[in-house]
């Protein structure tokens, strides 16, 4: 295995990980900003108020994007398994 192969494989794995994490992180970010705006408008400064909406938003994101996420990780794994003979040489 060459250093170029290792770095290319590492970059592909990182891209896949970022693609899988992005929907959950974006939904959590939006929920956090909305709750923070609500807290600023009502002057409720409770730090634990953000956790439940964020957890619900991330859960909804997982429900919505799970088929797509499963397809992305399955394609990545399929690509690895198909190319095992070329990786060995």
Protein backbone atom coordinates (compact mmCIF):
# COMPACT_ATOMS: atom_id res chain seq x y z
CA UNK A 1 0.00 0.00 0.00
CA UNK A 2 1.28 3.39 -0.97
CA UNK A 3 1.01 6.57 1.06
CA UNK A 4 -1.24 8.02 -1.65
CA UNK A 5 -3.66 5.12 -1.27
CA UNK A 6 -3.73 5.46 2.52
CA UNK A 7 -4.32 9.22 2.39
CA UNK A 8 -7.00 8.82 -0.30
CA UNK A 9 -8.77 6.14 1.71
CA UNK A 10 -8.57 8.29 4.85
CA UNK A 11 -10.02 11.31 3.02
CA UNK A 12 -12.87 9.18 1.63
CA UNK A 13 -13.64 7.82 5.11
CA UNK A 14 -13.68 11.34 6.56
CA UNK A 15 -15.99 12.58 3.79
CA UNK A 16 -18.36 9.70 4.48
CA UNK A 17 -18.31 10.41 8.22
CA UNK A 18 -19.04 14.10 7.63
CA UNK A 19 -21.88 13.27 5.25
CA UNK A 20 -23.42 10.96 7.83
CA UNK A 21 -23.11 13.46 10.68
CA UNK A 22 -24.19 16.59 8.80
CA UNK A 23 -28.00 16.21 8.93
CA UNK A 24 -28.04 15.54 12.68
CA UNK A 25 -25.64 18.39 13.39
CA UNK A 26 -27.59 20.85 11.23
CA UNK A 27 -30.93 19.94 12.83
CA UNK A 28 -29.36 20.25 16.29
CA UNK A 29 -27.83 23.61 15.39
CA UNK A 30 -31.13 24.99 14.11
CA UNK A 31 -32.99 23.77 17.20
CA UNK A 32 -30.35 25.30 19.47
CA UNK A 33 -30.51 28.66 17.71
CA UNK A 34 -34.32 28.72 17.82
CA UNK A 35 -34.43 27.86 21.52
CA UNK A 36 -31.72 30.44 22.23
CA UNK A 37 -33.73 33.10 20.40
CA UNK A 38 -36.79 32.09 22.43
CA UNK A 39 -34.77 32.31 25.63
CA UNK A 40 -33.43 35.73 24.69
CA UNK A 41 -36.92 37.01 23.87
CA UNK A 42 -38.48 35.71 27.08
CA UNK A 43 -35.40 36.25 29.29
CA UNK A 44 -35.54 32.64 30.49
CA UNK A 45 -31.91 31.75 31.13
CA UNK A 46 -32.21 28.07 31.93
CA UNK A 47 -29.25 26.14 30.50
CA UNK A 48 -31.01 22.77 30.53
CA UNK A 49 -33.95 24.01 28.44
CA UNK A 50 -31.99 23.47 25.19
CA UNK A 51 -31.32 19.75 25.60
CA UNK A 52 -34.82 18.31 25.00
CA UNK A 53 -35.49 20.26 21.75
CA UNK A 54 -32.02 19.39 20.48
CA UNK A 55 -32.52 15.69 21.22
CA UNK A 56 -35.91 15.77 19.50
CA UNK A 57 -34.44 17.56 16.48
CA UNK A 58 -31.61 15.06 16.17
CA UNK A 59 -34.07 12.17 16.53
CA UNK A 60 -36.26 13.64 13.78
CA UNK A 61 -33.21 14.11 11.56
CA UNK A 62 -32.27 10.47 12.07
CA UNK A 63 -35.81 9.35 11.23
CA UNK A 64 -35.90 11.48 8.08
CA UNK A 65 -32.39 10.80 6.81
CA UNK A 66 -31.88 7.19 7.97
CA UNK A 67 -32.56 5.58 4.56
CA UNK A 68 -30.10 7.94 2.89
CA UNK A 69 -27.52 7.46 5.65
CA UNK A 70 -27.87 3.70 5.37
CA UNK A 71 -27.34 3.92 1.60
CA UNK A 72 -24.20 6.06 2.01
CA UNK A 73 -22.59 3.72 4.54
CA UNK A 74 -23.61 0.65 2.53
CA UNK A 75 -22.04 2.09 -0.63
CA UNK A 76 -18.85 2.89 1.29
CA UNK A 77 -18.66 -0.61 2.76
CA UNK A 78 -19.51 -2.22 -0.61
CA UNK A 79 -16.73 -0.22 -2.25
CA UNK A 80 -14.26 -1.40 0.39
CA UNK A 81 -15.25 -5.06 0.07
CA UNK A 82 -15.25 -5.04 -3.74
CA UNK A 83 -11.78 -3.49 -3.87
CA UNK A 84 -10.11 -5.77 -1.30
CA UNK A 85 -8.16 -7.67 -4.01
CA UNK A 86 -6.74 -4.40 -5.36
CA UNK A 87 -5.87 -3.23 -1.84
CA UNK A 88 -3.81 -6.36 -1.22
CA UNK A 89 -1.57 -5.79 -4.24
